[in-house]
Each structure stands twice: as structure tokens, then as C-alpha cells.
Amino acid sequence: MTTPTRADDIRSEGACGRVHSVPMKVFVITGGSDGIGAEIARQLAATHGAQAALVLAGRSHEKLDAVAAQCQAKGAQALTVAMDVADESQCRALVEQAAAKFGRI
């Protein structure tokens, strides 16, 4: 598999050696540092592999980084954002960071 040239596409070789784009799926997961949120992230990474772009949000940066590493080991890309979803400005910043990294949500 080759390196993505755009944030929303992954280029890969098909059986005939032709290169084609595979749309990247971007997922925003709040509460992604622990419990159900972390497990959803791991399951998405296992299911979608390199086609998954995960935006993991939660309060603990250390826990987010640990979950991100597990997801990256399955081929997914990950962005971690330590934040509080009760703060609207932090939610807006999360969206901006996700769009800047992956080109869309």
C-alpha cells in the first residue's frame, strides 16, 4: 500500500497492479480514552484498518494516546484531542483540528 496523497483518499494497488483511491472514513469519538468509546475506536480500527481515520477525544491525554497506539497498530490513523465536551469552544476546536488533519469529518 502506498502513502495517502490526500487526507481523504488512500491509494492502493488492485490485483491487476492498477492504483485506485479508496475513500477514507473519518470517525469522531468522544469519550475515546476509556470504556465504550475506546472499544468503539479499537473495533473501527480492526474493521476498517488503513481506511479509518479516528479522532479520539477525551479528558486524559495519556489514555487517549494509549488507545490511539492500539488503533494505529491495526493500520488506522489517529488524532487525539484532550478536551471537555461540556465546553463549546473546545468542541469547535476539536472539529477544526479534525478537519485540518483529515480534510473533512
N, C-alpha and C. Protein backbone atom coordinates (compact mmCIF):
# COMPACT_ATOMS: atom_id res chain seq x y z
N MET A 1 0.84 -1.17 0.00
CA MET A 1 0.00 0.00 0.00
C MET A 1 0.89 1.23 0.00
N THR A 2 0.52 2.25 -0.75
CA THR A 2 1.30 3.47 -0.81
C THR A 2 0.78 4.49 0.19
N THR A 3 1.55 5.53 0.40
CA THR A 3 1.17 6.59 1.32
C THR A 3 0.06 7.44 0.73
N PRO A 4 -0.94 7.82 1.53
CA PRO A 4 -2.02 8.66 1.01
C PRO A 4 -1.48 9.98 0.48
N THR A 5 -2.04 10.42 -0.64
CA THR A 5 -1.63 11.71 -1.20
C THR A 5 -2.57 12.82 -0.77
N ARG A 6 -3.78 12.48 -0.39
CA ARG A 6 -4.75 13.43 0.14
C ARG A 6 -5.29 12.86 1.43
N ALA A 7 -5.76 13.75 2.29
CA ALA A 7 -6.25 13.29 3.59
C ALA A 7 -7.47 12.38 3.48
N ASP A 8 -8.27 12.52 2.41
CA ASP A 8 -9.49 11.73 2.33
C ASP A 8 -9.38 10.53 1.40
N ASP A 9 -8.20 10.25 0.87
CA ASP A 9 -8.03 9.10 -0.01
C ASP A 9 -6.84 8.27 0.42
N ILE A 10 -6.95 6.99 0.19
CA ILE A 10 -5.83 6.08 0.35
C ILE A 10 -5.63 5.44 -1.02
N ARG A 11 -4.41 5.42 -1.48
CA ARG A 11 -4.13 4.81 -2.78
C ARG A 11 -3.60 3.41 -2.54
N SER A 12 -4.14 2.46 -3.26
CA SER A 12 -3.68 1.09 -3.10
C SER A 12 -3.67 0.39 -4.45
N GLU A 13 -2.86 -0.65 -4.55
CA GLU A 13 -2.79 -1.41 -5.78
C GLU A 13 -3.81 -2.53 -5.74
N GLY A 14 -4.55 -2.65 -6.85
CA GLY A 14 -5.50 -3.74 -7.00
C GLY A 14 -4.79 -4.99 -7.49
N ALA A 15 -5.55 -6.04 -7.72
CA ALA A 15 -4.98 -7.32 -8.15
C ALA A 15 -4.24 -7.21 -9.47
N CYS A 16 -4.67 -6.29 -10.33
CA CYS A 16 -4.04 -6.14 -11.65
C CYS A 16 -2.90 -5.13 -11.61
N GLY A 17 -2.54 -4.64 -10.44
CA GLY A 17 -1.46 -3.68 -10.33
C GLY A 17 -1.88 -2.25 -10.57
N ARG A 18 -3.17 -2.02 -10.81
CA ARG A 18 -3.66 -0.66 -11.01
C ARG A 18 -3.82 0.02 -9.67
N VAL A 19 -3.54 1.33 -9.65
CA VAL A 19 -3.69 2.10 -8.42
C VAL A 19 -5.06 2.74 -8.44
N HIS A 20 -5.77 2.61 -7.32
CA HIS A 20 -7.09 3.22 -7.21
C HIS A 20 -7.24 3.86 -5.83
N SER A 21 -8.11 4.86 -5.75
CA SER A 21 -8.34 5.55 -4.49
C SER A 21 -9.44 4.86 -3.70
N VAL A 22 -9.23 4.74 -2.42
CA VAL A 22 -10.22 4.19 -1.51
C VAL A 22 -10.58 5.32 -0.55
N PRO A 23 -11.86 5.71 -0.48
CA PRO A 23 -12.21 6.80 0.42
C PRO A 23 -11.91 6.47 1.87
N MET A 24 -11.28 7.42 2.57
CA MET A 24 -11.01 7.26 3.98
C MET A 24 -12.27 7.61 4.77
N LYS A 25 -12.55 6.85 5.80
CA LYS A 25 -13.69 7.11 6.66
C LYS A 25 -13.18 7.80 7.91
N VAL A 26 -13.74 8.97 8.21
CA VAL A 26 -13.32 9.74 9.38
C VAL A 26 -14.38 9.58 10.47
N PHE A 27 -13.92 9.15 11.65
CA PHE A 27 -14.81 8.93 12.79
C PHE A 27 -14.38 9.83 13.94
N VAL A 28 -15.32 10.55 14.54
CA VAL A 28 -15.04 11.34 15.74
C VAL A 28 -15.66 10.59 16.92
N ILE A 29 -14.83 10.28 17.90
CA ILE A 29 -15.29 9.50 19.05
C ILE A 29 -15.01 10.28 20.32
N THR A 30 -16.08 10.75 20.97
CA THR A 30 -15.91 11.41 22.26
C THR A 30 -15.93 10.32 23.33
N GLY A 31 -15.23 10.56 24.41
CA GLY A 31 -15.09 9.52 25.42
C GLY A 31 -14.19 8.40 24.93
N GLY A 32 -13.28 8.72 24.02
CA GLY A 32 -12.44 7.72 23.37
C GLY A 32 -11.26 7.24 24.19
N SER A 33 -11.11 7.75 25.39
CA SER A 33 -9.95 7.35 26.20
C SER A 33 -10.19 6.12 27.06
N ASP A 34 -11.45 5.71 27.19
CA ASP A 34 -11.77 4.64 28.13
C ASP A 34 -13.11 4.00 27.77
N GLY A 35 -13.37 2.85 28.32
CA GLY A 35 -14.68 2.22 28.24
C GLY A 35 -15.20 2.00 26.83
N ILE A 36 -16.48 2.30 26.63
CA ILE A 36 -17.15 2.05 25.36
C ILE A 36 -16.50 2.84 24.23
N GLY A 37 -16.15 4.10 24.47
CA GLY A 37 -15.53 4.91 23.42
C GLY A 37 -14.22 4.31 22.93
N ALA A 38 -13.39 3.86 23.86
CA ALA A 38 -12.12 3.25 23.48
C ALA A 38 -12.35 1.95 22.71
N GLU A 39 -13.32 1.17 23.14
CA GLU A 39 -13.60 -0.10 22.45
C GLU A 39 -14.17 0.16 21.05
N ILE A 40 -15.01 1.17 20.91
CA ILE A 40 -15.51 1.53 19.57
C ILE A 40 -14.34 1.88 18.67
N ALA A 41 -13.39 2.65 19.17
CA ALA A 41 -12.22 3.03 18.38
C ALA A 41 -11.43 1.79 17.95
N ARG A 42 -11.19 0.88 18.88
CA ARG A 42 -10.46 -0.34 18.56
C ARG A 42 -11.20 -1.19 17.53
N GLN A 43 -12.51 -1.29 17.67
CA GLN A 43 -13.31 -2.08 16.72
C GLN A 43 -13.32 -1.44 15.33
N LEU A 44 -13.42 -0.12 15.27
CA LEU A 44 -13.37 0.57 13.97
C LEU A 44 -12.02 0.36 13.31
N ALA A 45 -10.96 0.44 14.09
CA ALA A 45 -9.61 0.22 13.55
C ALA A 45 -9.48 -1.21 13.04
N ALA A 46 -10.01 -2.17 13.77
CA ALA A 46 -9.92 -3.57 13.35
C ALA A 46 -10.75 -3.82 12.10
N THR A 47 -11.88 -3.17 12.00
CA THR A 47 -12.78 -3.38 10.86
C THR A 47 -12.31 -2.65 9.60
N HIS A 48 -11.87 -1.40 9.77
CA HIS A 48 -11.56 -0.56 8.61
C HIS A 48 -10.07 -0.41 8.33
N GLY A 49 -9.23 -0.76 9.29
CA GLY A 49 -7.78 -0.69 9.09
C GLY A 49 -7.31 0.65 8.57
N ALA A 50 -6.55 0.62 7.48
CA ALA A 50 -5.96 1.84 6.92
C ALA A 50 -6.99 2.80 6.34
N GLN A 51 -8.22 2.35 6.18
CA GLN A 51 -9.27 3.24 5.68
C GLN A 51 -9.89 4.08 6.79
N ALA A 52 -9.51 3.82 8.04
CA ALA A 52 -10.09 4.54 9.18
C ALA A 52 -9.19 5.69 9.62
N ALA A 53 -9.81 6.83 9.80
CA ALA A 53 -9.17 7.99 10.41
C ALA A 53 -9.96 8.28 11.68
N LEU A 54 -9.35 8.06 12.82
CA LEU A 54 -10.04 8.19 14.10
C LEU A 54 -9.65 9.47 14.81
N VAL A 55 -10.64 10.22 15.23
CA VAL A 55 -10.43 11.41 16.04
C VAL A 55 -10.90 11.03 17.44
N LEU A 56 -9.96 10.86 18.35
CA LEU A 56 -10.27 10.41 19.70
C LEU A 56 -10.25 11.60 20.64
N ALA A 57 -11.38 11.85 21.29
CA ALA A 57 -11.49 12.96 22.22
C ALA A 57 -11.83 12.44 23.60
N GLY A 58 -11.23 13.05 24.62
CA GLY A 58 -11.49 12.68 26.00
C GLY A 58 -10.68 13.56 26.92
N ARG A 59 -10.79 13.33 28.19
CA ARG A 59 -10.11 14.21 29.15
C ARG A 59 -8.67 13.82 29.43
N SER A 60 -8.32 12.56 29.27
CA SER A 60 -6.97 12.10 29.62
C SER A 60 -6.11 11.91 28.37
N HIS A 61 -5.14 12.79 28.21
CA HIS A 61 -4.27 12.70 27.05
C HIS A 61 -3.50 11.39 27.03
N GLU A 62 -3.04 10.94 28.20
CA GLU A 62 -2.27 9.70 28.28
C GLU A 62 -3.10 8.50 27.85
N LYS A 63 -4.35 8.42 28.31
CA LYS A 63 -5.22 7.31 27.93
C LYS A 63 -5.56 7.38 26.45
N LEU A 64 -5.80 8.59 25.94
CA LEU A 64 -6.08 8.75 24.51
C LEU A 64 -4.91 8.25 23.67
N ASP A 65 -3.70 8.60 24.08
CA ASP A 65 -2.51 8.17 23.34
C ASP A 65 -2.38 6.65 23.34
N ALA A 66 -2.73 6.01 24.46
CA ALA A 66 -2.65 4.54 24.54
C ALA A 66 -3.65 3.90 23.58
N VAL A 67 -4.87 4.41 23.54
CA VAL A 67 -5.89 3.88 22.63
C VAL A 67 -5.48 4.13 21.18
N ALA A 68 -4.95 5.33 20.91
CA ALA A 68 -4.50 5.66 19.56
C ALA A 68 -3.42 4.70 19.09
N ALA A 69 -2.49 4.36 19.96
CA ALA A 69 -1.41 3.43 19.60
C ALA A 69 -1.98 2.05 19.25
N GLN A 70 -2.98 1.61 20.00
CA GLN A 70 -3.62 0.32 19.70
C GLN A 70 -4.30 0.35 18.33
N CYS A 71 -4.94 1.46 18.02
CA CYS A 71 -5.64 1.61 16.74
C CYS A 71 -4.64 1.73 15.59
N GLN A 72 -3.56 2.46 15.81
CA GLN A 72 -2.54 2.61 14.77
C GLN A 72 -1.86 1.27 14.47
N ALA A 73 -1.75 0.42 15.48
CA ALA A 73 -1.17 -0.91 15.26
C ALA A 73 -2.04 -1.74 14.32
N LYS A 74 -3.31 -1.38 14.20
CA LYS A 74 -4.22 -2.07 13.28
C LYS A 74 -4.33 -1.35 11.94
N GLY A 75 -3.48 -0.31 11.74
CA GLY A 75 -3.43 0.38 10.46
C GLY A 75 -4.18 1.69 10.39
N ALA A 76 -4.97 2.00 11.40
CA ALA A 76 -5.76 3.24 11.38
C ALA A 76 -4.88 4.45 11.65
N GLN A 77 -5.31 5.60 11.15
CA GLN A 77 -4.70 6.85 11.53
C GLN A 77 -5.47 7.40 12.72
N ALA A 78 -4.79 8.14 13.58
CA ALA A 78 -5.48 8.65 14.77
C ALA A 78 -5.00 10.04 15.13
N LEU A 79 -5.94 10.85 15.57
CA LEU A 79 -5.68 12.17 16.13
C LEU A 79 -6.28 12.15 17.52
N THR A 80 -5.50 12.56 18.53
CA THR A 80 -6.03 12.62 19.89
C THR A 80 -6.17 14.08 20.31
N VAL A 81 -7.28 14.36 20.98
CA VAL A 81 -7.55 15.71 21.45
C VAL A 81 -8.06 15.62 22.88
N ALA A 82 -7.26 16.09 23.82
CA ALA A 82 -7.70 16.15 25.22
C ALA A 82 -8.63 17.35 25.35
N MET A 83 -9.85 17.10 25.80
CA MET A 83 -10.85 18.17 25.85
C MET A 83 -12.00 17.78 26.76
N ASP A 84 -12.89 18.76 27.00
CA ASP A 84 -14.10 18.56 27.77
C ASP A 84 -15.28 18.90 26.86
N VAL A 85 -16.13 17.92 26.55
CA VAL A 85 -17.24 18.16 25.63
C VAL A 85 -18.29 19.12 26.19
N ALA A 86 -18.22 19.43 27.47
CA ALA A 86 -19.14 20.40 28.06
C ALA A 86 -18.77 21.84 27.68
N ASP A 87 -17.57 22.03 27.12
CA ASP A 87 -17.09 23.36 26.73
C ASP A 87 -17.24 23.52 25.22
N GLU A 88 -18.17 24.36 24.80
CA GLU A 88 -18.46 24.53 23.37
C GLU A 88 -17.24 24.95 22.57
N SER A 89 -16.42 25.82 23.11
CA SER A 89 -15.24 26.27 22.37
C SER A 89 -14.26 25.11 22.12
N GLN A 90 -14.17 24.20 23.08
CA GLN A 90 -13.31 23.03 22.90
C GLN A 90 -13.89 22.09 21.85
N CYS A 91 -15.21 21.98 21.78
CA CYS A 91 -15.85 21.16 20.75
C CYS A 91 -15.59 21.74 19.36
N ARG A 92 -15.68 23.05 19.24
CA ARG A 92 -15.40 23.70 17.95
C ARG A 92 -13.94 23.49 17.55
N ALA A 93 -13.05 23.58 18.53
CA ALA A 93 -11.63 23.36 18.25
C ALA A 93 -11.39 21.91 17.82
N LEU A 94 -12.11 20.97 18.41
CA LEU A 94 -11.99 19.56 18.01
C LEU A 94 -12.35 19.39 16.54
N VAL A 95 -13.45 19.99 16.12
CA VAL A 95 -13.88 19.90 14.73
C VAL A 95 -12.84 20.53 13.80
N GLU A 96 -12.31 21.68 14.19
CA GLU A 96 -11.30 22.35 13.37
C GLU A 96 -10.05 21.50 13.24
N GLN A 97 -9.59 20.90 14.33
CA GLN A 97 -8.39 20.06 14.29
C GLN A 97 -8.62 18.82 13.42
N ALA A 98 -9.79 18.21 13.55
CA ALA A 98 -10.10 17.03 12.75
C ALA A 98 -10.13 17.36 11.27
N ALA A 99 -10.77 18.46 10.92
CA ALA A 99 -10.86 18.87 9.51
C ALA A 99 -9.50 19.24 8.97
N ALA A 100 -8.66 19.88 9.79
CA ALA A 100 -7.33 20.25 9.35
C ALA A 100 -6.47 19.01 9.09
N LYS A 101 -6.58 18.01 9.94
CA LYS A 101 -5.76 16.80 9.80
C LYS A 101 -6.24 15.89 8.67
N PHE A 102 -7.56 15.66 8.60
CA PHE A 102 -8.09 14.67 7.68
C PHE A 102 -8.84 15.25 6.48
N GLY A 103 -8.99 16.58 6.44
CA GLY A 103 -9.63 17.20 5.29
C GLY A 103 -11.14 17.26 5.34
N ARG A 104 -11.73 16.54 6.28
CA ARG A 104 -13.19 16.51 6.42
C ARG A 104 -13.55 15.71 7.65
N ILE A 105 -14.84 15.72 7.96
CA ILE A 105 -15.35 14.86 9.03
C ILE A 105 -16.47 14.04 8.42
